[in-house]
Amino acid sequence: MMPKHSWRQLKDLENAIGITPEQQDSLVKIILTNEPTAYGFYKALWTRDIVAAVIKTEFDITMHPAAVSKMLRRIGLTPQRPVRKAWQQDEKKSARVSGYSLSRTAQAD
């Protein structure tokens, strides 16, 4: 028979399993100042699996990727999709094809 727990007890347990606020600050610094390649990963973008591996390496704490995702959201880091643009894309050609042209102020940027 499973013991009954209140939602508050479960939340306290969830918070106890994660990393400390000091470790979170350190992790944020790692993410914002480094790329995953600095830790031996071949990807240049941070994923929750890579962050979980860095947490294990740096703090010797094992976290499930879903818990990592929740923690990152809670501390203000949200997933971002990279801008997809072909490296061989010609901006003038694509502007002509789409029917829109860039204004002078936009071209100056």
PDB file of N, CA and C in Angstrom:
ATOM      1  N   MET A   1       0.843  -1.172   0.000  1.00  0.00           N
ATOM      2  CA  MET A   1       0.000   0.000   0.000  1.00  0.00           C
ATOM      3  C   MET A   1       0.892   1.239   0.000  1.00  0.00           C
ATOM      4  N   MET A   2       0.603   2.192  -0.888  1.00  0.00           N
ATOM      5  CA  MET A   2       1.408   3.408  -0.988  1.00  0.00           C
ATOM      6  C   MET A   2       1.039   4.389   0.114  1.00  0.00           C
ATOM      7  N   PRO A   3       2.056   4.991   0.723  1.00  0.00           N
ATOM      8  CA  PRO A   3       1.749   5.996   1.744  1.00  0.00           C
ATOM      9  C   PRO A   3       1.155   7.238   1.081  1.00  0.00           C
ATOM     10  N   LYS A   4       0.273   7.895   1.800  1.00  0.00           N
ATOM     11  CA  LYS A   4      -0.343   9.105   1.271  1.00  0.00           C
ATOM     12  C   LYS A   4       0.491  10.299   1.704  1.00  0.00           C
ATOM     13  N   HIS A   5       0.756  11.168   0.752  1.00  0.00           N
ATOM     14  CA  HIS A   5       1.520  12.381   1.017  1.00  0.00           C
ATOM     15  C   HIS A   5       0.719  13.573   0.528  1.00  0.00           C
ATOM     16  N   SER A   6       0.885  14.670   1.210  1.00  0.00           N
ATOM     17  CA  SER A   6       0.240  15.891   0.745  1.00  0.00           C
ATOM     18  C   SER A   6       1.048  16.457  -0.418  1.00  0.00           C
ATOM     19  N   TRP A   7       0.445  17.342  -1.193  1.00  0.00           N
ATOM     20  CA  TRP A   7       1.150  17.971  -2.298  1.00  0.00           C
ATOM     21  C   TRP A   7       2.347  18.754  -1.786  1.00  0.00           C
ATOM     22  N   ARG A   8       2.216  19.380  -0.642  1.00  0.00           N
ATOM     23  CA  ARG A   8       3.317  20.164  -0.064  1.00  0.00           C
ATOM     24  C   ARG A   8       4.500  19.263   0.262  1.00  0.00           C
ATOM     25  N   GLN A   9       4.229  18.076   0.821  1.00  0.00           N
ATOM     26  CA  GLN A   9       5.309  17.148   1.132  1.00  0.00           C
ATOM     27  C   GLN A   9       6.010  16.686  -0.144  1.00  0.00           C
ATOM     28  N   LEU A  10       5.232  16.456  -1.194  1.00  0.00           N
ATOM     29  CA  LEU A  10       5.835  16.034  -2.453  1.00  0.00           C
ATOM     30  C   LEU A  10       6.684  17.150  -3.058  1.00  0.00           C
ATOM     31  N   LYS A  11       6.214  18.397  -2.967  1.00  0.00           N
ATOM     32  CA  LYS A  11       6.988  19.535  -3.470  1.00  0.00           C
ATOM     33  C   LYS A  11       8.282  19.687  -2.675  1.00  0.00           C
ATOM     34  N   ASP A  12       8.201  19.539  -1.340  1.00  0.00           N
ATOM     35  CA  ASP A  12       9.405  19.627  -0.503  1.00  0.00           C
ATOM     36  C   ASP A  12      10.398  18.532  -0.888  1.00  0.00           C
ATOM     37  N   LEU A  13       9.898  17.330  -1.151  1.00  0.00           N
ATOM     38  CA  LEU A  13      10.755  16.226  -1.559  1.00  0.00           C
ATOM     39  C   LEU A  13      11.407  16.526  -2.904  1.00  0.00           C
ATOM     40  N   GLU A  14      10.630  17.072  -3.834  1.00  0.00           N
ATOM     41  CA  GLU A  14      11.161  17.417  -5.154  1.00  0.00           C
ATOM     42  C   GLU A  14      12.273  18.456  -5.028  1.00  0.00           C
ATOM     43  N   ASN A  15      12.074  19.457  -4.182  1.00  0.00           N
ATOM     44  CA  ASN A  15      13.082  20.490  -4.006  1.00  0.00           C
ATOM     45  C   ASN A  15      14.327  19.949  -3.299  1.00  0.00           C
ATOM     46  N   ALA A  16      14.165  18.980  -2.420  1.00  0.00           N
ATOM     47  CA  ALA A  16      15.298  18.408  -1.689  1.00  0.00           C
ATOM     48  C   ALA A  16      16.195  17.584  -2.606  1.00  0.00           C
ATOM     49  N   ILE A  17      15.619  17.017  -3.644  1.00  0.00           N
ATOM     50  CA  ILE A  17      16.379  16.137  -4.529  1.00  0.00           C
ATOM     51  C   ILE A  17      17.282  16.933  -5.472  1.00  0.00           C
ATOM     52  N   GLY A  18      16.907  18.171  -5.812  1.00  0.00           N
ATOM     53  CA  GLY A  18      17.649  18.982  -6.773  1.00  0.00           C
ATOM     54  C   GLY A  18      18.970  19.489  -6.228  1.00  0.00           C
ATOM     55  N   ILE A  19      19.513  20.473  -6.899  1.00  0.00           N
ATOM     56  CA  ILE A  19      20.787  21.041  -6.486  1.00  0.00           C
ATOM     57  C   ILE A  19      20.543  22.299  -5.655  1.00  0.00           C
ATOM     58  N   THR A  20      21.538  22.685  -4.888  1.00  0.00           N
ATOM     59  CA  THR A  20      21.411  23.826  -3.981  1.00  0.00           C
ATOM     60  C   THR A  20      21.382  25.135  -4.782  1.00  0.00           C
ATOM     61  N   PRO A  21      20.915  26.220  -4.172  1.00  0.00           N
ATOM     62  CA  PRO A  21      20.925  27.517  -4.866  1.00  0.00           C
ATOM     63  C   PRO A  21      22.327  27.948  -5.313  1.00  0.00           C
ATOM     64  N   GLU A  22      23.340  27.658  -4.514  1.00  0.00           N
ATOM     65  CA  GLU A  22      24.714  27.993  -4.898  1.00  0.00           C
ATOM     66  C   GLU A  22      25.141  27.197  -6.129  1.00  0.00           C
ATOM     67  N   GLN A  23      24.763  25.916  -6.155  1.00  0.00           N
ATOM     68  CA  GLN A  23      25.075  25.090  -7.319  1.00  0.00           C
ATOM     69  C   GLN A  23      24.300  25.574  -8.545  1.00  0.00           C
ATOM     70  N   GLN A  24      23.060  26.026  -8.335  1.00  0.00           N
ATOM     71  CA  GLN A  24      22.265  26.567  -9.445  1.00  0.00           C
ATOM     72  C   GLN A  24      22.948  27.801 -10.032  1.00  0.00           C
ATOM     73  N   ASP A  25      23.439  28.681  -9.169  1.00  0.00           N
ATOM     74  CA  ASP A  25      24.152  29.874  -9.641  1.00  0.00           C
ATOM     75  C   ASP A  25      25.384  29.486 -10.453  1.00  0.00           C
ATOM     76  N   SER A  26      26.103  28.499  -9.955  1.00  0.00           N
ATOM     77  CA  SER A  26      27.284  28.018 -10.658  1.00  0.00           C
ATOM     78  C   SER A  26      26.905  27.414 -12.011  1.00  0.00           C
ATOM     79  N   LEU A  27      25.807  26.667 -12.037  1.00  0.00           N
ATOM     80  CA  LEU A  27      25.340  26.050 -13.279  1.00  0.00           C
ATOM     81  C   LEU A  27      24.934  27.111 -14.300  1.00  0.00           C
ATOM     82  N   VAL A  28      24.232  28.139 -13.857  1.00  0.00           N
ATOM     83  CA  VAL A  28      23.833  29.226 -14.754  1.00  0.00           C
ATOM     84  C   VAL A  28      25.078  29.876 -15.358  1.00  0.00           C
ATOM     85  N   LYS A  29      26.085  30.104 -14.536  1.00  0.00           N
ATOM     86  CA  LYS A  29      27.341  30.693 -15.024  1.00  0.00           C
ATOM     87  C   LYS A  29      27.995  29.775 -16.069  1.00  0.00           C
ATOM     88  N   ILE A  30      27.980  28.486 -15.800  1.00  0.00           N
ATOM     89  CA  ILE A  30      28.552  27.519 -16.752  1.00  0.00           C
ATOM     90  C   ILE A  30      27.817  27.595 -18.080  1.00  0.00           C
ATOM     91  N   ILE A  31      26.491  27.596 -18.031  1.00  0.00           N
ATOM     92  CA  ILE A  31      25.680  27.593 -19.258  1.00  0.00           C
ATOM     93  C   ILE A  31      25.862  28.886 -20.042  1.00  0.00           C
ATOM     94  N   LEU A  32      25.901  30.013 -19.339  1.00  0.00           N
ATOM     95  CA  LEU A  32      25.972  31.298 -20.026  1.00  0.00           C
ATOM     96  C   LEU A  32      27.367  31.655 -20.532  1.00  0.00           C
ATOM     97  N   THR A  33      28.396  31.058 -19.956  1.00  0.00           N
ATOM     98  CA  THR A  33      29.757  31.430 -20.358  1.00  0.00           C
ATOM     99  C   THR A  33      30.484  30.366 -21.173  1.00  0.00           C
ATOM    100  N   ASN A  34      29.928  29.172 -21.275  1.00  0.00           N
ATOM    101  CA  ASN A  34      30.586  28.082 -22.003  1.00  0.00           C
ATOM    102  C   ASN A  34      29.643  27.481 -23.032  1.00  0.00           C
ATOM    103  N   GLU A  35      30.216  26.711 -23.907  1.00  0.00           N
ATOM    104  CA  GLU A  35      29.441  25.885 -24.829  1.00  0.00           C
ATOM    105  C   GLU A  35      29.616  24.431 -24.390  1.00  0.00           C
ATOM    106  N   PRO A  36      28.678  23.565 -24.755  1.00  0.00           N
ATOM    107  CA  PRO A  36      28.813  22.151 -24.382  1.00  0.00           C
ATOM    108  C   PRO A  36      30.095  21.509 -24.900  1.00  0.00           C
ATOM    109  N   THR A  37      30.648  22.045 -25.972  1.00  0.00           N
ATOM    110  CA  THR A  37      31.892  21.480 -26.503  1.00  0.00           C
ATOM    111  C   THR A  37      33.039  21.605 -25.503  1.00  0.00           C
ATOM    112  N   ALA A  38      32.957  22.576 -24.594  1.00  0.00           N
ATOM    113  CA  ALA A  38      33.990  22.722 -23.559  1.00  0.00           C
ATOM    114  C   ALA A  38      33.965  21.555 -22.580  1.00  0.00           C
ATOM    115  N   TYR A  39      32.855  20.822 -22.553  1.00  0.00           N
ATOM    116  CA  TYR A  39      32.730  19.666 -21.664  1.00  0.00           C
ATOM    117  C   TYR A  39      32.804  18.341 -22.430  1.00  0.00           C
ATOM    118  N   GLY A  40      33.260  18.414 -23.685  1.00  0.00           N
ATOM    119  CA  GLY A  40      33.484  17.205 -24.455  1.00  0.00           C
ATOM    120  C   GLY A  40      32.306  16.751 -25.301  1.00  0.00           C
ATOM    121  N   PHE A  41      31.255  17.540 -25.384  1.00  0.00           N
ATOM    122  CA  PHE A  41      30.110  17.184 -26.219  1.00  0.00           C
ATOM    123  C   PHE A  41      30.317  17.751 -27.616  1.00  0.00           C
ATOM    124  N   TYR A  42      29.772  17.079 -28.611  1.00  0.00           N
ATOM    125  CA  TYR A  42      29.966  17.530 -29.979  1.00  0.00           C
ATOM    126  C   TYR A  42      28.947  18.591 -30.388  1.00  0.00           C
ATOM    127  N   LYS A  43      27.858  18.735 -29.644  1.00  0.00           N
ATOM    128  CA  LYS A  43      26.843  19.729 -29.974  1.00  0.00           C
ATOM    129  C   LYS A  43      27.241  21.085 -29.406  1.00  0.00           C
ATOM    130  N   ALA A  44      26.874  22.143 -30.127  1.00  0.00           N
ATOM    131  CA  ALA A  44      27.174  23.494 -29.667  1.00  0.00           C
ATOM    132  C   ALA A  44      25.989  24.118 -28.940  1.00  0.00           C
ATOM    133  N   LEU A  45      24.892  23.394 -28.814  1.00  0.00           N
ATOM    134  CA  LEU A  45      23.713  23.904 -28.123  1.00  0.00           C
ATOM    135  C   LEU A  45      23.460  23.097 -26.860  1.00  0.00           C
ATOM    136  N   TRP A  46      23.036  23.784 -25.809  1.00  0.00           N
ATOM    137  CA  TRP A  46      22.729  23.109 -24.557  1.00  0.00           C
ATOM    138  C   TRP A  46      21.401  22.379 -24.673  1.00  0.00           C
ATOM    139  N   THR A  47      21.389  21.122 -24.277  1.00  0.00           N
ATOM    140  CA  THR A  47      20.151  20.345 -24.183  1.00  0.00           C
ATOM    141  C   THR A  47      19.989  19.926 -22.728  1.00  0.00           C
ATOM    142  N   ARG A  48      18.803  19.496 -22.377  1.00  0.00           N
ATOM    143  CA  ARG A  48      18.611  19.096 -20.976  1.00  0.00           C
ATOM    144  C   ARG A  48      19.426  17.851 -20.644  1.00  0.00           C
ATOM    145  N   ASP A  49      19.659  16.981 -21.616  1.00  0.00           N
ATOM    146  CA  ASP A  49      20.499  15.802 -21.377  1.00  0.00           C
ATOM    147  C   ASP A  49      21.948  16.211 -21.112  1.00  0.00           C
ATOM    148  N   ILE A  50      22.427  17.190 -21.868  1.00  0.00           N
ATOM    149  CA  ILE A  50      23.794  17.670 -21.669  1.00  0.00           C
ATOM    150  C   ILE A  50      23.912  18.374 -20.326  1.00  0.00           C
ATOM    151  N   VAL A  51      22.907  19.187 -19.973  1.00  0.00           N
ATOM    152  CA  VAL A  51      22.922  19.869 -18.679  1.00  0.00           C
ATOM    153  C   VAL A  51      22.918  18.842 -17.546  1.00  0.00           C
ATOM    154  N   ALA A  52      22.126  17.769 -17.691  1.00  0.00           N
ATOM    155  CA  ALA A  52      22.104  16.711 -16.673  1.00  0.00           C
ATOM    156  C   ALA A  52      23.483  16.067 -16.536  1.00  0.00           C
ATOM    157  N   ALA A  53      24.170  15.866 -17.653  1.00  0.00           N
ATOM    158  CA  ALA A  53      25.511  15.274 -17.605  1.00  0.00           C
ATOM    159  C   ALA A  53      26.509  16.226 -16.944  1.00  0.00           C
ATOM    160  N   VAL A  54      26.380  17.521 -17.201  1.00  0.00           N
ATOM    161  CA  VAL A  54      27.265  18.508 -16.568  1.00  0.00           C
ATOM    162  C   VAL A  54      27.006  18.563 -15.066  1.00  0.00           C
ATOM    163  N   ILE A  55      25.735  18.485 -14.666  1.00  0.00           N
ATOM    164  CA  ILE A  55      25.401  18.456 -13.236  1.00  0.00           C
ATOM    165  C   ILE A  55      26.046  17.243 -12.571  1.00  0.00           C
ATOM    166  N   LYS A  56      26.000  16.108 -13.243  1.00  0.00           N
ATOM    167  CA  LYS A  56      26.618  14.893 -12.709  1.00  0.00           C
ATOM    168  C   LYS A  56      28.136  15.073 -12.595  1.00  0.00           C
ATOM    169  N   THR A  57      28.749  15.659 -13.624  1.00  0.00           N
ATOM    170  CA  THR A  57      30.199  15.855 -13.627  1.00  0.00           C
ATOM    171  C   THR A  57      30.645  16.876 -12.576  1.00  0.00           C
ATOM    172  N   GLU A  58      29.969  18.011 -12.537  1.00  0.00           N
ATOM    173  CA  GLU A  58      30.389  19.109 -11.671  1.00  0.00           C
ATOM    174  C   GLU A  58      30.006  18.909 -10.201  1.00  0.00           C
ATOM    175  N   PHE A  59      28.796  18.373  -9.962  1.00  0.00           N
ATOM    176  CA  PHE A  59      28.268  18.320  -8.599  1.00  0.00           C
ATOM    177  C   PHE A  59      28.033  16.906  -8.079  1.00  0.00           C
ATOM    178  N   ASP A  60      28.286  15.895  -8.922  1.00  0.00           N
ATOM    179  CA  ASP A  60      28.061  14.493  -8.568  1.00  0.00           C
ATOM    180  C   ASP A  60      26.620  14.255  -8.107  1.00  0.00           C
ATOM    181  N   ILE A  61      25.678  14.867  -8.835  1.00  0.00           N
ATOM    182  CA  ILE A  61      24.255  14.698  -8.558  1.00  0.00           C
ATOM    183  C   ILE A  61      23.591  14.218  -9.839  1.00  0.00           C
ATOM    184  N   THR A  62      22.844  13.133  -9.736  1.00  0.00           N
ATOM    185  CA  THR A  62      22.142  12.595 -10.892  1.00  0.00           C
ATOM    186  C   THR A  62      20.728  13.165 -10.919  1.00  0.00           C
ATOM    187  N   MET A  63      20.388  13.792 -12.034  1.00  0.00           N
ATOM    188  CA  MET A  63      19.049  14.345 -12.205  1.00  0.00           C
ATOM    189  C   MET A  63      18.471  13.838 -13.513  1.00  0.00           C
ATOM    190  N   HIS A  64      17.200  13.506 -13.500  1.00  0.00           N
ATOM    191  CA  HIS A  64      16.500  13.098 -14.716  1.00  0.00           C
ATOM    192  C   HIS A  64      16.355  14.329 -15.616  1.00  0.00           C
ATOM    193  N   PRO A  65      16.456  14.151 -16.929  1.00  0.00           N
ATOM    194  CA  PRO A  65      16.329  15.302 -17.826  1.00  0.00           C
ATOM    195  C   PRO A  65      15.034  16.111 -17.634  1.00  0.00           C
ATOM    196  N   ALA A  66      13.939  15.450 -17.287  1.00  0.00           N
ATOM    197  CA  ALA A  66      12.686  16.185 -17.043  1.00  0.00           C
ATOM    198  C   ALA A  66      12.822  17.078 -15.808  1.00  0.00           C
ATOM    199  N   ALA A  67      13.506  16.596 -14.784  1.00  0.00           N
ATOM    200  CA  ALA A  67      13.739  17.406 -13.582  1.00  0.00           C
ATOM    201  C   ALA A  67      14.678  18.565 -13.895  1.00  0.00           C
ATOM    202  N   VAL A  68      15.651  18.323 -14.769  1.00  0.00           N
ATOM    203  CA  VAL A  68      16.566  19.388 -15.194  1.00  0.00           C
ATOM    204  C   VAL A  68      15.770  20.473 -15.910  1.00  0.00           C
ATOM    205  N   SER A  69      14.872  20.063 -16.778  1.00  0.00           N
ATOM    206  CA  SER A  69      14.045  21.015 -17.514  1.00  0.00           C
ATOM    207  C   SER A  69      13.212  21.878 -16.573  1.00  0.00           C
ATOM    208  N   LYS A  70      12.586  21.249 -15.576  1.00  0.00           N
ATOM    209  CA  LYS A  70      11.790  21.988 -14.588  1.00  0.00           C
ATOM    210  C   LYS A  70      12.651  22.961 -13.799  1.00  0.00           C
ATOM    211  N   MET A  71      13.826  22.500 -13.393  1.00  0.00           N
ATOM    212  CA  MET A  71      14.715  23.343 -12.611  1.00  0.00           C
ATOM    213  C   MET A  71      15.189  24.539 -13.430  1.00  0.00           C
ATOM    214  N   LEU A  72      15.570  24.313 -14.682  1.00  0.00           N
ATOM    215  CA  LEU A  72      16.036  25.404 -15.531  1.00  0.00           C
ATOM    216  C   LEU A  72      14.942  26.442 -15.742  1.00  0.00           C
ATOM    217  N   ARG A  73      13.716  25.968 -15.941  1.00  0.00           N
ATOM    218  CA  ARG A  73      12.587  26.895 -16.088  1.00  0.00           C
ATOM    219  C   ARG A  73      12.375  27.708 -14.816  1.00  0.00           C
ATOM    220  N   ARG A  74      12.496  27.032 -13.665  1.00  0.00           N
ATOM    221  CA  ARG A  74      12.281  27.681 -12.373  1.00  0.00           C
ATOM    222  C   ARG A  74      13.325  28.772 -12.114  1.00  0.00           C
ATOM    223  N   ILE A  75      14.562  28.580 -12.600  1.00  0.00           N
ATOM    224  CA  ILE A  75      15.599  29.582 -12.368  1.00  0.00           C
ATOM    225  C   ILE A  75      15.702  30.589 -13.509  1.00  0.00           C
ATOM    226  N   GLY A  76      14.801  30.486 -14.475  1.00  0.00           N
ATOM    227  CA  GLY A  76      14.711  31.510 -15.515  1.00  0.00           C
ATOM    228  C   GLY A  76      15.371  31.201 -16.839  1.00  0.00           C
ATOM    229  N   LEU A  77      15.844  29.980 -17.040  1.00  0.00           N
ATOM    230  CA  LEU A  77      16.425  29.594 -18.324  1.00  0.00           C
ATOM    231  C   LEU A  77      15.395  28.772 -19.095  1.00  0.00           C
ATOM    232  N   THR A  78      15.010  29.251 -20.256  1.00  0.00           N
ATOM    233  CA  THR A  78      14.000  28.565 -21.045  1.00  0.00           C
ATOM    234  C   THR A  78      14.608  28.093 -22.355  1.00  0.00           C
ATOM    235  N   PRO A  79      14.056  27.033 -22.925  1.00  0.00           N
ATOM    236  CA  PRO A  79      14.591  26.535 -24.190  1.00  0.00           C
ATOM    237  C   PRO A  79      14.340  27.531 -25.319  1.00  0.00           C
ATOM    238  N   GLN A  80      15.301  27.688 -26.175  1.00  0.00           N
ATOM    239  CA  GLN A  80      15.186  28.572 -27.331  1.00  0.00           C
ATOM    240  C   GLN A  80      15.472  27.765 -28.583  1.00  0.00           C
ATOM    241  N   ARG A  81      14.701  28.018 -29.602  1.00  0.00           N
ATOM    242  CA  ARG A  81      14.972  27.357 -30.876  1.00  0.00           C
ATOM    243  C   ARG A  81      16.007  28.177 -31.641  1.00  0.00           C
ATOM    244  N   PRO A  82      17.001  27.512 -32.205  1.00  0.00           N
ATOM    245  CA  PRO A  82      17.986  28.269 -32.978  1.00  0.00           C
ATOM    246  C   PRO A  82      17.347  28.817 -34.260  1.00  0.00           C
ATOM    247  N   VAL A  83      17.849  29.954 -34.716  1.00  0.00           N
ATOM    248  CA  VAL A  83      17.363  30.532 -35.956  1.00  0.00           C
ATOM    249  C   VAL A  83      17.843  29.639 -37.084  1.00  0.00           C
ATOM    250  N   ARG A  84      16.912  29.234 -37.918  1.00  0.00           N
ATOM    251  CA  ARG A  84      17.289  28.358 -39.030  1.00  0.00           C
ATOM    252  C   ARG A  84      17.461  29.200 -40.284  1.00  0.00           C
ATOM    253  N   LYS A  85      18.649  29.196 -40.789  1.00  0.00           N
ATOM    254  CA  LYS A  85      18.955  29.947 -41.985  1.00  0.00           C
ATOM    255  C   LYS A  85      20.053  29.197 -42.717  1.00  0.00           C
ATOM    256  N   ALA A  86      19.794  28.950 -43.974  1.00  0.00           N
ATOM    257  CA  ALA A  86      20.799  28.256 -44.761  1.00  0.00           C
ATOM    258  C   ALA A  86      22.038  29.137 -44.889  1.00  0.00           C
ATOM    259  N   TRP A  87      23.208  28.550 -44.726  1.00  0.00           N
ATOM    260  CA  TRP A  87      24.433  29.341 -44.792  1.00  0.00           C
ATOM    261  C   TRP A  87      24.665  29.892 -46.179  1.00  0.00           C
ATOM    262  N   GLN A  88      24.084  29.254 -47.196  1.00  0.00           N
ATOM    263  CA  GLN A  88      24.289  29.727 -48.561  1.00  0.00           C
ATOM    264  C   GLN A  88      23.152  30.630 -49.029  1.00  0.00           C
ATOM    265  N   GLN A  89      22.267  31.029 -48.124  1.00  0.00           N
ATOM    266  CA  GLN A  89      21.123  31.850 -48.491  1.00  0.00           C
ATOM    267  C   GLN A  89      21.567  33.252 -48.924  1.00  0.00           C
ATOM    268  N   ASP A  90      21.034  33.702 -50.037  1.00  0.00           N
ATOM    269  CA  ASP A  90      21.311  35.043 -50.545  1.00  0.00           C
ATOM    270  C   ASP A  90      20.163  35.939 -50.093  1.00  0.00           C
ATOM    271  N   GLU A  91      20.449  36.917 -49.217  1.00  0.00           N
ATOM    272  CA  GLU A  91      19.397  37.752 -48.645  1.00  0.00           C
ATOM    273  C   GLU A  91      18.662  38.564 -49.698  1.00  0.00           C
ATOM    274  N   LYS A  92      19.385  39.108 -50.679  1.00  0.00           N
ATOM    275  CA  LYS A  92      18.728  39.900 -51.725  1.00  0.00           C
ATOM    276  C   LYS A  92      17.772  39.035 -52.543  1.00  0.00           C
ATOM    277  N   LYS A  93      18.230  37.851 -52.870  1.00  0.00           N
ATOM    278  CA  LYS A  93      17.415  36.940 -53.657  1.00  0.00           C
ATOM    279  C   LYS A  93      16.179  36.503 -52.874  1.00  0.00           C
ATOM    280  N   SER A  94      16.349  36.168 -51.613  1.00  0.00           N
ATOM    281  CA  SER A  94      15.209  35.715 -50.818  1.00  0.00           C
ATOM    282  C   SER A  94      14.218  36.848 -50.580  1.00  0.00           C
ATOM    283  N   ALA A  95      14.698  38.095 -50.434  1.00  0.00           N
ATOM    284  CA  ALA A  95      13.783  39.232 -50.270  1.00  0.00           C
ATOM    285  C   ALA A  95      12.991  39.449 -51.545  1.00  0.00           C
ATOM    286  N   ARG A  96      13.626  39.288 -52.700  1.00  0.00           N
ATOM    287  CA  ARG A  96      12.949  39.446 -53.983  1.00  0.00           C
ATOM    288  C   ARG A  96      11.908  38.349 -54.179  1.00  0.00           C
ATOM    289  N   VAL A  97      12.239  37.140 -53.837  1.00  0.00           N
ATOM    290  CA  VAL A  97      11.338  36.017 -54.007  1.00  0.00           C
ATOM    291  C   VAL A  97      10.114  36.152 -53.107  1.00  0.00           C
ATOM    292  N   SER A  98      10.308  36.599 -51.882  1.00  0.00           N
ATOM    293  CA  SER A  98       9.191  36.698 -50.955  1.00  0.00           C
ATOM    294  C   SER A  98       8.289  37.887 -51.250  1.00  0.00           C
ATOM    295  N   GLY A  99       8.750  38.816 -52.102  1.00  0.00           N
ATOM    296  CA  GLY A  99       7.931  39.958 -52.442  1.00  0.00           C
ATOM    297  C   GLY A  99       8.126  41.141 -51.513  1.00  0.00           C
ATOM    298  N   TYR A 100       9.003  41.029 -50.566  1.00  0.00           N
ATOM    299  CA  TYR A 100       9.285  42.113 -49.632  1.00  0.00           C
ATOM    300  C   TYR A 100      10.724  42.558 -49.818  1.00  0.00           C
ATOM    301  N   SER A 101      10.956  43.828 -49.650  1.00  0.00           N
ATOM    302  CA  SER A 101      12.330  44.310 -49.681  1.00  0.00           C
ATOM    303  C   SER A 101      12.643  44.948 -48.342  1.00  0.00           C
ATOM    304  N   LEU A 102      13.890  44.964 -47.988  1.00  0.00           N
ATOM    305  CA  LEU A 102      14.309  45.532 -46.717  1.00  0.00           C
ATOM    306  C   LEU A 102      14.364  47.043 -46.817  1.00  0.00           C
ATOM    307  N   SER A 103      13.952  47.725 -45.771  1.00  0.00           N
ATOM    308  CA  SER A 103      14.064  49.179 -45.745  1.00  0.00           C
ATOM    309  C   SER A 103      15.528  49.550 -45.530  1.00  0.00           C
ATOM    310  N   ARG A 104      15.873  50.805 -45.808  1.00  0.00           N
ATOM    311  CA  ARG A 104      17.256  51.228 -45.615  1.00  0.00           C
ATOM    312  C   ARG A 104      17.720  51.083 -44.186  1.00  0.00           C
ATOM    313  N   THR A 105      16.868  51.373 -43.217  1.00  0.00           N
ATOM    314  CA  THR A 105      17.277  51.266 -41.818  1.00  0.00           C
ATOM    315  C   THR A 105      17.526  49.817 -41.446  1.00  0.00           C
ATOM    316  N   ALA A 106      16.742  48.911 -41.990  1.00  0.00           N
ATOM    317  CA  ALA A 106      16.944  47.493 -41.687  1.00  0.00           C
ATOM    318  C   ALA A 106      18.231  46.992 -42.348  1.00  0.00           C
ATOM    319  N   GLN A 107      18.556  47.521 -43.534  1.00  0.00           N
ATOM    320  CA  GLN A 107      19.768  47.095 -44.219  1.00  0.00           C
ATOM    321  C   GLN A 107      21.007  47.624 -43.525  1.00  0.00           C
ATOM    322  N   ALA A 108      20.893  48.775 -42.873  1.00  0.00           N
ATOM    323  CA  ALA A 108      22.040  49.338 -42.156  1.00  0.00           C
ATOM    324  C   ALA A 108      22.431  48.506 -40.949  1.00  0.00           C
ATOM    325  N   ASP A 109      21.476  47.794 -40.365  1.00  0.00           N
ATOM    326  CA  ASP A 109      21.760  46.956 -39.200  1.00  0.00           C
ATOM    327  C   ASP A 109      22.533  45.803 -39.627  1.00  0.00           C
TER     328      ASP A 109
END
